[in-house]
Amino acid sequence: MLKSINHFISLFIDTFKLFGRMKAWLLLLCISLVYWLLLYSHYDFANPIFYSTIHWWTELWDSQYAGGFTHYPGHFILLSYYYSSAKLFIGLLIEGGILGAVALVFYRYIFTDTKATNLSIAAYLTNWLHLSLCWGILNGILYAGYKFFPLILADFLWSSPRRQMMFDYGFIPLFNVLVVALFFFAIPYIAIYRTNVLTGIKFSIMTFLRRPIFTFFLAAIILTAPLILAFIMSNPSEIVAKFNPIMVYLLLCTGIVIDLFVNFFWMGTAVNYLSEED
């Protein structure tokens, strides 16, 4: 037990030592900038630069609420809904590949290995595809859980506010942490060893099964801040009613900053763990 705790702490200490890797920060900042532009385009949807695209997107994704999105206060109530949905599609294109590149930067620094990032264009694009597929499967499972668990358990939850609270603040966060724990090592493994998505996911799951408590708490610590923000953002209509509606936009901006550090510590701890396995 003491050995596992020391190992757990050492992964974070070693990750703090990676703070000086500017290439990694620049890559992560690219993701943050793209997501902020996406968020701002939803926030300032009436701007002629964004209006036609956002109008098309909101109608395409959910025409039932599209009209409400263009009017106050529905715009702020639905801002998180439409932005988060669009973020999934953009993330599928860029986030997995960029996280894989961050993993390579860390791995190259740890081993001073110049070959780790020496990929041909064809190999790089192939690797990007597998990284994007892995990110898509991870987030697809999370999205499916958020979407279908409430439907499946509707009869059980409907009659009890206490059950609903336990579901929202207990079951869903545990589900989130468990899924991320199962996929925790998949993206860096695919990036470093240039393998396919199925091999990467298999390795990550097998690592979790070998050390389930260790990996679960590793994911839990890293996801603490996003889960707290998710609690706060779970009822945007309450935020709009009790505070300045722009708080919704500011909280979503805060989420982008939080994700920047979450991704850093995710890739950092995972790569340090893999480096110990080599």
Protein backbone atom coordinates (compact mmCIF):
# COMPACT_ATOMS: atom_id res chain seq x y z
CA MET A 1 0.00 0.00 0.00
CA LEU A 2 2.75 2.44 1.00
CA LYS A 3 4.65 1.57 -2.17
CA SER A 4 1.58 2.41 -4.30
CA ILE A 5 1.07 5.72 -2.49
CA ASN A 6 4.72 6.66 -3.03
CA HIS A 7 4.44 5.70 -6.69
CA PHE A 8 1.25 7.75 -7.01
CA ILE A 9 2.91 10.83 -5.54
CA SER A 10 6.07 10.36 -7.59
CA LEU A 11 4.07 10.41 -10.85
CA PHE A 12 2.77 13.88 -10.02
CA ILE A 13 6.19 15.09 -8.86
CA ASP A 14 7.74 13.87 -12.10
CA THR A 15 4.94 15.53 -14.06
CA PHE A 16 5.61 18.87 -12.33
CA LYS A 17 9.18 18.55 -13.64
CA LEU A 18 7.74 18.66 -17.19
CA PHE A 19 6.34 22.17 -16.69
CA GLY A 20 9.22 23.67 -18.66
CA ARG A 21 8.34 21.80 -21.86
CA MET A 22 7.17 24.79 -23.92
CA LYS A 23 6.33 22.68 -26.98
CA ALA A 24 3.78 20.79 -24.92
CA TRP A 25 2.22 24.00 -23.62
CA LEU A 26 2.04 25.46 -27.14
CA LEU A 27 0.25 22.35 -28.39
CA LEU A 28 -2.20 22.44 -25.49
CA LEU A 29 -2.74 26.18 -26.00
CA CYS A 30 -3.69 25.43 -29.62
CA ILE A 31 -6.54 23.22 -28.36
CA SER A 32 -7.59 25.89 -25.88
CA LEU A 33 -7.58 28.62 -28.51
CA VAL A 34 -9.69 26.57 -30.92
CA TYR A 35 -12.21 25.79 -28.18
CA TRP A 36 -12.33 29.42 -27.06
CA LEU A 37 -13.04 30.57 -30.64
CA LEU A 38 -15.75 27.94 -30.84
CA LEU A 39 -17.23 29.13 -27.54
CA TYR A 40 -17.00 32.80 -28.51
CA SER A 41 -18.74 32.16 -31.82
CA HIS A 42 -21.67 30.68 -29.86
CA TYR A 43 -21.59 33.51 -27.33
CA ASP A 44 -21.48 36.26 -29.97
CA PHE A 45 -23.64 34.36 -32.46
CA ALA A 46 -25.31 37.57 -33.76
CA ASN A 47 -21.97 38.75 -35.15
CA PRO A 48 -22.19 38.58 -38.98
CA ILE A 49 -18.95 36.58 -38.99
CA PHE A 50 -20.57 33.75 -37.00
CA TYR A 51 -24.31 34.08 -37.48
CA SER A 52 -24.90 31.94 -40.57
CA THR A 53 -22.68 29.10 -39.34
CA ILE A 54 -24.09 29.07 -35.81
CA HIS A 55 -27.66 29.33 -37.12
CA TRP A 56 -27.04 26.36 -39.43
CA TRP A 57 -25.36 24.37 -36.62
CA THR A 58 -28.04 24.93 -33.99
CA GLU A 59 -30.81 24.03 -36.41
CA LEU A 60 -28.93 20.91 -37.53
CA TRP A 61 -28.07 19.64 -34.04
CA ASP A 62 -31.37 20.36 -32.29
CA SER A 63 -33.95 22.43 -34.13
CA GLN A 64 -36.34 22.19 -31.16
CA TYR A 65 -34.18 24.55 -29.08
CA ALA A 66 -32.58 26.55 -31.91
CA GLY A 67 -35.15 29.33 -31.69
CA GLY A 68 -34.69 29.68 -27.94
CA PHE A 69 -30.92 29.90 -28.38
CA THR A 70 -31.26 33.13 -30.37
CA HIS A 71 -33.28 34.92 -27.67
CA TYR A 72 -32.49 36.14 -24.15
CA PRO A 73 -32.24 34.43 -21.67
CA GLY A 74 -32.46 31.17 -23.64
CA HIS A 75 -29.17 32.02 -25.31
CA PHE A 76 -27.27 31.67 -22.02
CA ILE A 77 -29.32 28.72 -20.81
CA LEU A 78 -28.53 26.77 -24.00
CA LEU A 79 -25.00 28.09 -24.54
CA SER A 80 -23.34 25.16 -22.78
CA TYR A 81 -25.55 22.63 -24.58
CA TYR A 82 -24.74 23.77 -28.11
CA TYR A 83 -21.10 24.62 -27.41
CA SER A 84 -20.40 21.26 -25.74
CA SER A 85 -22.02 19.42 -28.64
CA ALA A 86 -19.96 21.31 -31.21
CA LYS A 87 -16.85 20.75 -29.09
CA LEU A 88 -17.27 16.99 -29.47
CA PHE A 89 -17.04 17.21 -33.24
CA ILE A 90 -14.08 19.59 -33.25
CA GLY A 91 -12.36 17.53 -30.56
CA LEU A 92 -12.71 14.42 -32.71
CA LEU A 93 -10.67 16.15 -35.41
CA ILE A 94 -7.90 17.69 -33.33
CA GLU A 95 -7.74 16.77 -29.65
CA GLY A 96 -6.64 13.15 -29.80
CA GLY A 97 -3.87 13.93 -32.27
CA ILE A 98 -2.59 16.92 -30.30
CA LEU A 99 -2.66 15.02 -27.01
CA GLY A 100 -0.65 12.30 -28.70
CA ALA A 101 1.89 14.92 -29.82
CA VAL A 102 2.12 16.20 -26.23
CA ALA A 103 2.78 12.65 -25.06
CA LEU A 104 5.61 12.37 -27.59
CA VAL A 105 7.14 15.65 -26.39
CA PHE A 106 7.16 14.34 -22.82
CA TYR A 107 8.49 10.93 -23.81
CA ARG A 108 11.24 12.45 -25.92
CA TYR A 109 12.30 14.67 -23.01
CA ILE A 110 12.36 11.78 -20.52
CA PHE A 111 14.45 9.54 -22.78
CA THR A 112 16.18 12.26 -24.85
CA ASP A 113 15.00 10.19 -27.80
CA THR A 114 15.05 12.06 -31.12
CA LYS A 115 13.50 9.11 -32.97
CA ALA A 116 10.28 9.20 -30.96
CA THR A 117 8.95 12.15 -32.95
CA ASN A 118 10.70 11.38 -36.24
CA LEU A 119 7.64 10.36 -38.25
CA SER A 120 6.98 10.57 -41.96
CA ILE A 121 3.91 12.54 -43.04
CA ALA A 122 2.06 9.34 -43.92
CA ALA A 123 2.92 7.70 -40.60
CA TYR A 124 1.99 10.86 -38.72
CA LEU A 125 -1.43 11.07 -40.40
CA THR A 126 -2.07 7.37 -39.76
CA ASN A 127 -1.14 7.78 -36.12
CA TRP A 128 -3.38 10.87 -35.92
CA LEU A 129 -6.29 8.80 -37.23
CA HIS A 130 -5.86 6.17 -34.51
CA LEU A 131 -5.46 8.84 -31.83
CA SER A 132 -8.64 10.58 -33.02
CA LEU A 133 -10.52 7.28 -33.06
CA CYS A 134 -9.38 6.56 -29.50
CA TRP A 135 -10.46 10.02 -28.31
CA GLY A 136 -13.76 9.58 -30.15
CA ILE A 137 -14.47 6.19 -28.57
CA LEU A 138 -13.67 7.51 -25.09
CA ASN A 139 -15.91 10.56 -25.45
CA GLY A 140 -18.55 8.59 -27.34
CA ILE A 141 -18.91 6.23 -24.37
CA LEU A 142 -19.13 9.19 -21.98
CA TYR A 143 -21.73 10.93 -24.16
CA ALA A 144 -23.77 7.73 -24.53
CA GLY A 145 -23.76 7.31 -20.76
CA TYR A 146 -24.95 10.87 -20.15
CA LYS A 147 -27.61 10.46 -22.83
CA PHE A 148 -29.02 6.99 -22.18
CA PHE A 149 -28.60 6.28 -18.45
CA PRO A 150 -31.25 8.88 -17.53
CA LEU A 151 -33.62 7.30 -20.07
CA ILE A 152 -32.97 3.74 -18.91
CA LEU A 153 -33.33 4.68 -15.23
CA ALA A 154 -36.16 7.17 -15.71
CA ASP A 155 -38.79 5.15 -13.82
CA PHE A 156 -36.39 4.50 -10.96
CA LEU A 157 -35.34 8.16 -10.67
CA TRP A 158 -38.63 9.90 -11.37
CA SER A 159 -40.30 9.21 -8.03
CA SER A 160 -37.39 10.18 -5.77
CA PRO A 161 -35.47 13.48 -5.69
CA ARG A 162 -32.92 11.75 -3.45
CA ARG A 163 -32.27 9.11 -6.11
CA GLN A 164 -31.99 11.82 -8.72
CA MET A 165 -29.42 13.64 -6.60
CA MET A 166 -27.43 10.45 -6.06
CA PHE A 167 -27.52 9.81 -9.79
CA ASP A 168 -26.37 13.32 -10.73
CA TYR A 169 -23.73 13.78 -8.02
CA GLY A 170 -22.68 10.20 -7.39
CA PHE A 171 -23.27 7.77 -10.23
CA ILE A 172 -22.43 10.08 -13.17
CA PRO A 173 -19.10 11.31 -11.71
CA LEU A 174 -18.10 7.71 -10.85
CA PHE A 175 -19.04 6.64 -14.37
CA ASN A 176 -16.95 9.47 -15.79
CA VAL A 177 -13.90 8.59 -13.70
CA LEU A 178 -14.22 4.87 -14.42
CA VAL A 179 -14.36 5.34 -18.20
CA VAL A 180 -11.39 7.74 -18.19
CA ALA A 181 -9.46 5.32 -15.95
CA LEU A 182 -10.06 2.50 -18.45
CA PHE A 183 -8.73 4.69 -21.30
CA PHE A 184 -6.11 6.53 -19.26
CA PHE A 185 -3.04 5.13 -21.03
CA ALA A 186 -4.51 4.52 -24.48
CA ILE A 187 -3.67 7.81 -26.23
CA PRO A 188 -0.05 8.10 -25.01
CA TYR A 189 0.51 4.39 -25.74
CA ILE A 190 -0.73 4.78 -29.33
CA ALA A 191 1.39 7.91 -29.83
CA ILE A 192 4.62 6.58 -28.34
CA TYR A 193 4.57 3.05 -29.72
CA ARG A 194 2.80 3.96 -33.00
CA THR A 195 0.26 1.22 -32.60
CA ASN A 196 -3.41 1.03 -33.58
CA VAL A 197 -6.42 2.13 -31.58
CA LEU A 198 -7.49 -1.38 -30.53
CA THR A 199 -4.04 -2.27 -29.23
CA GLY A 200 -3.85 1.02 -27.34
CA ILE A 201 -7.24 0.54 -25.72
CA LYS A 202 -6.45 -3.09 -24.87
CA PHE A 203 -3.18 -2.09 -23.20
CA SER A 204 -4.92 0.63 -21.18
CA ILE A 205 -7.69 -1.69 -20.02
CA MET A 206 -5.21 -4.40 -19.06
CA THR A 207 -3.18 -1.85 -17.10
CA PHE A 208 -6.35 -0.79 -15.30
CA LEU A 209 -7.22 -4.41 -14.49
CA ARG A 210 -3.73 -4.96 -13.05
CA ARG A 211 -3.95 -1.87 -10.85
CA PRO A 212 -7.61 -0.80 -10.73
CA ILE A 213 -7.55 1.27 -7.53
CA PHE A 214 -4.30 3.02 -8.46
CA THR A 215 -5.55 3.93 -11.96
CA PHE A 216 -9.03 4.89 -10.75
CA PHE A 217 -7.66 7.38 -8.22
CA LEU A 218 -5.16 8.68 -10.77
CA ALA A 219 -8.08 9.55 -13.05
CA ALA A 220 -10.16 10.83 -10.12
CA ILE A 221 -7.51 13.31 -8.97
CA ILE A 222 -7.01 14.68 -12.46
CA LEU A 223 -10.76 14.98 -13.09
CA THR A 224 -11.59 16.66 -9.76
CA ALA A 225 -11.70 20.23 -11.07
CA PRO A 226 -13.72 19.42 -14.24
CA LEU A 227 -16.24 17.45 -12.17
CA ILE A 228 -16.66 20.33 -9.72
CA LEU A 229 -17.24 22.70 -12.64
CA ALA A 230 -19.74 20.23 -14.12
CA PHE A 231 -21.69 20.32 -10.83
CA ILE A 232 -21.79 24.13 -11.00
CA MET A 233 -22.84 24.09 -14.66
CA SER A 234 -25.43 21.33 -14.28
CA ASN A 235 -28.30 23.82 -14.07
CA PRO A 236 -27.52 26.90 -16.22
CA SER A 237 -31.06 28.24 -15.81
CA GLU A 238 -30.33 28.68 -12.08
CA ILE A 239 -27.14 30.57 -12.87
CA VAL A 240 -29.03 32.83 -15.28
CA ALA A 241 -31.81 33.45 -12.76
CA LYS A 242 -29.63 34.12 -9.69
CA PHE A 243 -26.52 35.72 -11.20
CA ASN A 244 -25.47 37.73 -14.21
CA PRO A 245 -26.15 35.51 -17.26
CA ILE A 246 -22.66 36.20 -18.59
CA MET A 247 -21.47 33.96 -15.73
CA VAL A 248 -22.35 30.99 -17.95
CA TYR A 249 -19.91 32.18 -20.59
CA LEU A 250 -17.21 32.94 -18.00
CA LEU A 251 -17.60 29.51 -16.38
CA LEU A 252 -17.24 27.86 -19.78
CA CYS A 253 -14.07 29.90 -20.36
CA THR A 254 -12.84 28.69 -16.98
CA GLY A 255 -13.51 25.14 -18.14
CA ILE A 256 -11.20 25.66 -21.12
CA VAL A 257 -8.40 26.79 -18.78
CA ILE A 258 -9.04 23.84 -16.46
CA ASP A 259 -8.91 21.41 -19.38
CA LEU A 260 -5.53 22.83 -20.36
CA PHE A 261 -4.05 21.67 -17.04
CA VAL A 262 -6.10 18.46 -16.96
CA ASN A 263 -4.64 17.41 -20.31
CA PHE A 264 -1.14 18.35 -19.17
CA PHE A 265 -1.35 16.20 -16.04
CA TRP A 266 -3.17 13.39 -17.87
CA MET A 267 -0.46 13.06 -20.52
CA GLY A 268 2.33 13.78 -18.02
CA THR A 269 1.36 11.14 -15.47
CA ALA A 270 0.51 8.58 -18.16
CA VAL A 271 3.83 9.05 -20.00
CA ASN A 272 5.81 8.89 -16.76
CA TYR A 273 4.03 5.64 -15.91
CA LEU A 274 4.80 4.20 -19.36
CA SER A 275 8.42 5.30 -19.12
CA GLU A 276 8.77 3.25 -15.94
CA GLU A 277 7.39 0.23 -17.79
CA ASP A 278 10.06 0.51 -20.52
